[in-house]
Amino acid sequence: MRANLHLHSRYSDGSLWPSEIVREARAIGLDALALTDHDTLGGTIEFSKAARQVGIRAFPGCEIDCYASEIDYKSEMLAYFPSGNLKNTESFLRTVSRRRSDRLQAFVDEARALFRRPDLVFSDLVERKLDGRKDSPDIDIATVSYNKVDFFTYLKIKGVIDSKTSYREFKQAYFETGLIPDIRYHRTTIEEACKPVLEDGGFLVLPHIGHQFDDDPLCMKRQKARLKEMLRYFRGIGVEGIELYYYRDGKSETINELVQKTAEPLGYFFTYGSDCHGPDSEKHTLGDFDGDFDGFPDRI
């Protein structure tokens, strides 16, 4: 199957609704997709329904933000549920979504005071993020995952910051200077992330491991011992797959070949993902990368 299994929608930090992603994927000839929104499975039903209607194979999935202090890992873990069993993971992610919502509300409160703008209100941010769907019976607001990109976009819409400001410039100007306190929420440990996924019979897949080496093939080669250590660690806690990923500046082939060569002897299978966030984002990569995916391994 020509597959792209790393996609984000408006349920987290993407710019399209799940059904809109499917329509774009159909137009470019993809055969299999997975919606992997951050810390939520909220868009799964809409995504799967839209995919069935156009003959695309859709796998339920998500991307869980997590960390493993033992190996200095602070990133994400992809989770896929080809069996359709999501009960434990959905319950776990609702708690994470509440933490995200509380943090975004605190950011808006800080901005209202800093810019002296009483019209900056979290409920208004929610209305704009949901784009008219707030009262729709097809959406469960408790499953929506909020993030700093939502905050940044809201301030641009409200005219608080210049529309030409990049997200990177915004972070440097406000979060890194402390003008807006960078409120931390309880980040999930790798054990907390893996447990409900494995209970549901899901597959854990390590995404974009090149990010741990600054997306630099030479750095990865120099630190090959560290790469092997990380792969052994994740294999030991139940991670079965590695994502072959779309890296910028033409580095995908080199990095992915090195990752594949190192991971194969450890028994990993491989997925393909471009980490697309949709139009008007810095990652509109739906058609830039995919791979020939044979499906998830059979389990006896």
Protein backbone atom coordinates (compact mmCIF):
# COMPACT_ATOMS: atom_id res chain seq x y z
CA MET A 1 0.00 0.00 0.00
CA ARG A 2 1.22 3.48 -0.81
CA ALA A 3 1.00 4.80 2.74
CA ASN A 4 1.50 7.95 4.81
CA LEU A 5 0.91 7.11 8.47
CA HIS A 6 1.79 10.36 10.25
CA LEU A 7 -0.83 13.10 9.78
CA HIS A 8 -2.31 15.83 11.98
CA SER A 9 -5.74 17.49 11.89
CA ARG A 10 -7.51 20.34 13.65
CA TYR A 11 -8.08 17.98 16.57
CA SER A 12 -4.49 18.87 17.49
CA ASP A 13 -2.14 21.18 15.57
CA GLY A 14 -3.16 20.57 11.94
CA SER A 15 -5.07 22.98 9.72
CA LEU A 16 -7.55 20.55 8.10
CA TRP A 17 -10.38 18.45 9.48
CA PRO A 18 -9.90 14.66 9.18
CA SER A 19 -12.28 14.31 6.23
CA GLU A 20 -10.46 17.10 4.37
CA ILE A 21 -7.14 15.26 4.80
CA VAL A 22 -8.69 12.15 3.29
CA ARG A 23 -9.92 14.09 0.25
CA GLU A 24 -6.43 15.50 -0.35
CA ALA A 25 -4.88 12.05 0.07
CA ARG A 26 -7.34 10.54 -2.41
CA ALA A 27 -6.44 13.22 -4.96
CA ILE A 28 -2.75 12.26 -4.88
CA GLY A 29 -3.36 8.51 -4.97
CA LEU A 30 -2.50 7.33 -1.46
CA ASP A 31 -3.82 3.89 -0.48
CA ALA A 32 -3.40 3.91 3.31
CA LEU A 33 -3.42 6.63 5.96
CA ALA A 34 -3.28 7.12 9.70
CA LEU A 35 -4.42 10.16 11.64
CA THR A 36 -1.92 10.67 14.47
CA ASP A 37 -3.02 13.77 16.33
CA HIS A 38 -1.13 14.75 19.48
CA ASP A 39 -2.55 13.12 22.60
CA THR A 40 -6.00 12.48 21.14
CA LEU A 41 -8.00 9.94 19.15
CA GLY A 42 -10.86 12.40 18.73
CA GLY A 43 -10.79 12.55 14.93
CA THR A 44 -10.72 8.79 14.42
CA ILE A 45 -14.42 8.26 13.61
CA GLU A 46 -14.62 11.08 11.05
CA PHE A 47 -11.32 10.02 9.50
CA SER A 48 -12.25 6.35 9.18
CA LYS A 49 -15.69 7.13 7.75
CA ALA A 50 -14.27 9.48 5.11
CA ALA A 51 -11.60 6.94 4.15
CA ARG A 52 -14.12 4.12 3.73
CA GLN A 53 -16.20 6.27 1.42
CA VAL A 54 -13.30 6.73 -1.03
CA GLY A 55 -11.71 3.28 -0.69
CA ILE A 56 -8.67 4.24 1.37
CA ARG A 57 -7.41 2.03 4.22
CA ALA A 58 -7.35 4.06 7.44
CA PHE A 59 -5.61 2.97 10.64
CA PRO A 60 -6.66 4.53 13.98
CA GLY A 61 -3.65 6.19 15.59
CA CYS A 62 -2.26 8.99 17.72
CA GLU A 63 1.05 10.59 18.69
CA ILE A 64 1.66 10.70 22.42
CA ASP A 65 4.03 13.34 23.80
CA CYS A 66 6.35 11.63 26.28
CA TYR A 67 9.83 11.39 27.72
CA ALA A 68 12.32 8.76 28.90
CA SER A 69 14.84 10.28 31.31
CA GLU A 70 16.94 7.09 31.25
CA ILE A 71 18.08 7.82 27.69
CA ASP A 72 17.52 11.60 27.62
CA TYR A 73 14.56 11.25 25.25
CA LYS A 74 11.93 13.99 25.10
CA SER A 75 9.72 13.68 22.06
CA GLU A 76 6.75 11.52 21.02
CA MET A 77 5.61 7.96 20.48
CA LEU A 78 3.27 6.89 17.69
CA ALA A 79 0.53 4.39 18.50
CA TYR A 80 -1.61 2.46 16.00
CA PHE A 81 -4.70 0.33 16.59
CA PRO A 82 -5.50 -1.80 13.53
CA SER A 83 -7.80 -3.98 15.66
CA GLY A 84 -9.94 -0.93 16.49
CA ASN A 85 -9.66 -1.46 20.25
CA LEU A 86 -9.04 2.00 21.78
CA LYS A 87 -10.72 1.85 25.20
CA ASN A 88 -7.75 2.16 27.55
CA THR A 89 -5.84 4.62 25.40
CA GLU A 90 -8.87 6.88 24.91
CA SER A 91 -9.43 7.02 28.66
CA PHE A 92 -5.77 7.83 29.30
CA LEU A 93 -5.66 10.56 26.63
CA ARG A 94 -8.72 12.36 28.00
CA THR A 95 -6.66 13.12 31.11
CA VAL A 96 -3.80 14.43 28.98
CA SER A 97 -6.21 16.59 26.94
CA ARG A 98 -7.48 18.24 30.12
CA ARG A 99 -3.91 19.18 31.06
CA ARG A 100 -3.38 20.70 27.63
CA SER A 101 -6.64 22.67 27.85
CA ASP A 102 -5.76 24.06 31.29
CA ARG A 103 -2.35 25.19 30.04
CA LEU A 104 -3.78 26.98 27.00
CA GLN A 105 -6.32 28.76 29.17
CA ALA A 106 -3.46 29.99 31.37
CA PHE A 107 -1.58 31.26 28.28
CA VAL A 108 -4.64 33.23 27.16
CA ASP A 109 -5.04 34.71 30.66
CA GLU A 110 -1.40 35.82 30.62
CA ALA A 111 -1.77 37.39 27.17
CA ARG A 112 -4.95 39.23 28.18
CA ALA A 113 -3.04 40.91 31.02
CA LEU A 114 0.18 41.51 29.05
CA PHE A 115 -1.48 43.12 26.03
CA ARG A 116 -4.33 44.70 28.00
CA ARG A 117 -6.85 43.04 25.73
CA PRO A 118 -9.99 41.99 27.63
CA ASP A 119 -11.29 40.40 24.43
CA LEU A 120 -8.68 37.63 24.63
CA VAL A 121 -10.74 34.77 26.06
CA PHE A 122 -10.12 31.04 25.97
CA SER A 123 -13.70 30.25 24.91
CA ASP A 124 -13.15 32.50 21.87
CA LEU A 125 -9.97 30.58 21.01
CA VAL A 126 -11.97 27.34 21.19
CA GLU A 127 -14.67 28.73 18.86
CA ARG A 128 -12.07 29.71 16.29
CA LYS A 129 -10.14 26.45 16.54
CA LEU A 130 -13.31 24.41 16.03
CA ASP A 131 -14.27 26.59 13.06
CA GLY A 132 -18.01 26.52 13.64
CA ARG A 133 -18.12 22.92 14.87
CA LYS A 134 -18.34 23.62 18.60
CA ASP A 135 -22.01 22.66 18.86
CA SER A 136 -21.87 19.89 16.29
CA PRO A 137 -23.02 16.45 17.53
CA ASP A 138 -20.12 14.95 15.56
CA ILE A 139 -17.42 16.44 17.77
CA ASP A 140 -16.56 15.73 21.38
CA ILE A 141 -14.86 18.88 22.70
CA ALA A 142 -13.20 16.89 25.48
CA THR A 143 -11.12 15.08 22.86
CA VAL A 144 -9.67 18.23 21.28
CA SER A 145 -5.94 18.66 21.98
CA TYR A 146 -4.68 22.23 22.43
CA ASN A 147 -1.12 23.40 21.85
CA LYS A 148 1.09 26.46 21.53
CA VAL A 149 0.39 26.71 17.81
CA ASP A 150 -3.29 27.29 18.65
CA PHE A 151 -2.27 30.11 20.98
CA PHE A 152 0.06 31.63 18.38
CA THR A 153 -2.62 31.43 15.65
CA TYR A 154 -5.24 32.98 17.93
CA LEU A 155 -3.03 35.98 18.72
CA LYS A 156 -2.43 36.54 15.01
CA ILE A 157 -6.15 36.33 14.23
CA LYS A 158 -6.88 38.87 16.97
CA GLY A 159 -4.23 41.24 15.60
CA VAL A 160 -2.13 41.08 18.77
CA ILE A 161 0.97 40.05 16.83
CA ASP A 162 1.88 40.81 13.23
CA SER A 163 0.49 38.33 10.70
CA LYS A 164 3.97 37.95 9.15
CA THR A 165 5.49 36.74 12.42
CA SER A 166 6.71 33.13 12.26
CA TYR A 167 6.02 30.68 15.06
CA ARG A 168 9.74 30.51 15.80
CA GLU A 169 9.96 34.30 16.12
CA PHE A 170 6.91 34.27 18.37
CA LYS A 171 8.42 31.69 20.73
CA GLN A 172 11.69 33.61 20.93
CA ALA A 173 9.96 36.93 21.60
CA TYR A 174 7.48 35.80 24.22
CA PHE A 175 8.23 32.39 25.72
CA GLU A 176 12.02 32.49 25.71
CA THR A 177 12.08 36.01 27.16
CA GLY A 178 9.53 35.17 29.82
CA LEU A 179 7.04 37.86 28.75
CA ILE A 180 4.57 35.00 28.71
CA PRO A 181 5.54 32.32 31.25
CA ASP A 182 6.14 29.00 29.51
CA ILE A 183 3.80 27.04 31.75
CA ARG A 184 4.71 23.37 31.79
CA TYR A 185 2.18 20.61 32.09
CA HIS A 186 2.81 17.12 33.40
CA ARG A 187 4.48 15.41 30.45
CA THR A 188 3.77 11.72 30.09
CA THR A 189 6.55 9.26 30.88
CA ILE A 190 7.32 6.61 28.30
CA GLU A 191 5.92 3.95 30.65
CA GLU A 192 2.64 5.88 31.05
CA ALA A 193 2.39 6.26 27.27
CA CYS A 194 3.08 2.63 26.42
CA LYS A 195 0.92 0.93 29.04
CA PRO A 196 -2.62 1.68 27.72
CA VAL A 197 -1.56 1.17 24.10
CA LEU A 198 -0.21 -2.30 24.85
CA GLU A 199 -3.30 -3.12 26.93
CA ASP A 200 -5.40 -2.30 23.84
CA GLY A 201 -3.24 -4.53 21.66
CA GLY A 202 -1.91 -1.52 19.76
CA PHE A 203 1.44 -1.14 18.02
CA LEU A 204 4.05 1.33 19.30
CA VAL A 205 6.21 3.01 16.64
CA LEU A 206 9.15 5.33 17.27
CA PRO A 207 8.80 8.46 15.11
CA HIS A 208 11.42 10.70 13.45
CA ILE A 209 14.37 9.35 15.41
CA GLY A 210 16.66 11.56 13.32
CA HIS A 211 15.46 14.51 15.41
CA GLN A 212 17.48 13.07 18.30
CA PHE A 213 20.60 13.67 16.18
CA ASP A 214 19.64 17.15 14.87
CA ASP A 215 18.49 15.57 11.57
CA ASP A 216 22.18 15.26 10.72
CA PRO A 217 23.34 12.00 9.08
CA LEU A 218 26.96 12.66 10.04
CA CYS A 219 25.99 13.20 13.68
CA MET A 220 23.98 9.98 13.60
CA LYS A 221 26.95 8.05 12.19
CA ARG A 222 29.30 9.49 14.81
CA GLN A 223 26.83 8.57 17.55
CA LYS A 224 25.87 5.17 16.18
CA ALA A 225 26.45 3.57 19.59
CA ARG A 226 23.86 5.94 21.09
CA LEU A 227 21.44 5.13 18.26
CA LYS A 228 21.79 1.41 18.97
CA GLU A 229 21.34 2.00 22.69
CA MET A 230 18.12 3.92 22.10
CA LEU A 231 16.75 1.29 19.74
CA ARG A 232 17.52 -1.50 22.19
CA TYR A 233 15.87 0.46 24.99
CA PHE A 234 12.64 1.06 23.05
CA ARG A 235 12.52 -2.53 21.83
CA GLY A 236 12.79 -3.65 25.43
CA ILE A 237 9.72 -1.70 26.54
CA GLY A 238 7.45 -2.96 23.77
CA VAL A 239 8.11 -0.68 20.80
CA GLU A 240 7.91 -2.79 17.63
CA GLY A 241 8.13 -0.29 14.78
CA ILE A 242 10.34 2.52 13.50
CA GLU A 243 9.08 5.34 11.32
CA LEU A 244 10.91 6.13 8.09
CA TYR A 245 10.37 9.87 7.92
CA TYR A 246 10.38 12.92 5.68
CA TYR A 247 13.41 14.95 6.74
CA ARG A 248 14.04 18.37 5.21
CA ASP A 249 16.91 19.43 2.95
CA GLY A 250 17.10 16.14 1.08
CA LYS A 251 18.30 14.12 4.08
CA SER A 252 15.48 11.58 4.17
CA GLU A 253 17.13 8.84 2.14
CA THR A 254 20.46 8.95 3.99
CA ILE A 255 18.95 9.06 7.48
CA ASN A 256 16.30 6.44 6.76
CA GLU A 257 18.83 4.03 5.27
CA LEU A 258 20.99 4.30 8.38
CA VAL A 259 17.99 3.87 10.68
CA GLN A 260 16.72 0.87 8.74
CA LYS A 261 20.11 -0.82 8.66
CA THR A 262 20.53 -0.36 12.41
CA ALA A 263 16.98 -1.32 13.41
CA GLU A 264 16.38 -4.39 11.24
CA PRO A 265 18.63 -6.74 13.26
CA LEU A 266 16.62 -5.82 16.37
CA GLY A 267 13.37 -7.05 14.82
CA TYR A 268 11.68 -3.73 14.11
CA PHE A 269 9.13 -3.29 11.32
CA PHE A 270 8.89 0.03 9.44
CA THR A 271 6.20 2.61 8.74
CA TYR A 272 6.28 5.74 6.59
CA GLY A 273 5.23 9.24 7.64
CA SER A 274 5.57 12.84 6.49
CA ASP A 275 4.20 14.52 9.66
CA CYS A 276 1.81 16.62 7.58
CA HIS A 277 0.04 19.50 9.35
CA GLY A 278 -1.86 20.81 6.33
CA PRO A 279 -2.02 24.05 4.32
CA ASP A 280 -0.94 27.31 5.99
CA SER A 281 1.46 25.38 8.21
CA GLU A 282 5.19 24.91 7.92
CA LYS A 283 4.60 21.19 7.27
CA HIS A 284 2.23 20.76 4.36
CA THR A 285 3.95 17.53 3.35
CA LEU A 286 1.12 15.13 2.48
CA GLY A 287 2.39 14.50 -1.03
CA ASP A 288 6.11 14.81 -0.28
CA PHE A 289 6.75 11.40 1.25
CA ASP A 290 5.14 7.97 1.48
CA GLY A 291 6.20 4.34 1.29
CA ASP A 292 5.14 0.86 0.29
CA PHE A 293 3.62 -0.41 3.54
CA ASP A 294 2.75 -4.12 3.87
CA GLY A 295 0.53 -3.64 6.91
CA PHE A 296 1.10 -4.24 10.61
CA PRO A 297 2.61 -7.58 11.65
CA ASP A 298 0.31 -10.49 12.43
CA ARG A 299 0.16 -11.51 16.06
CA ILE A 300 -0.40 -15.07 17.18
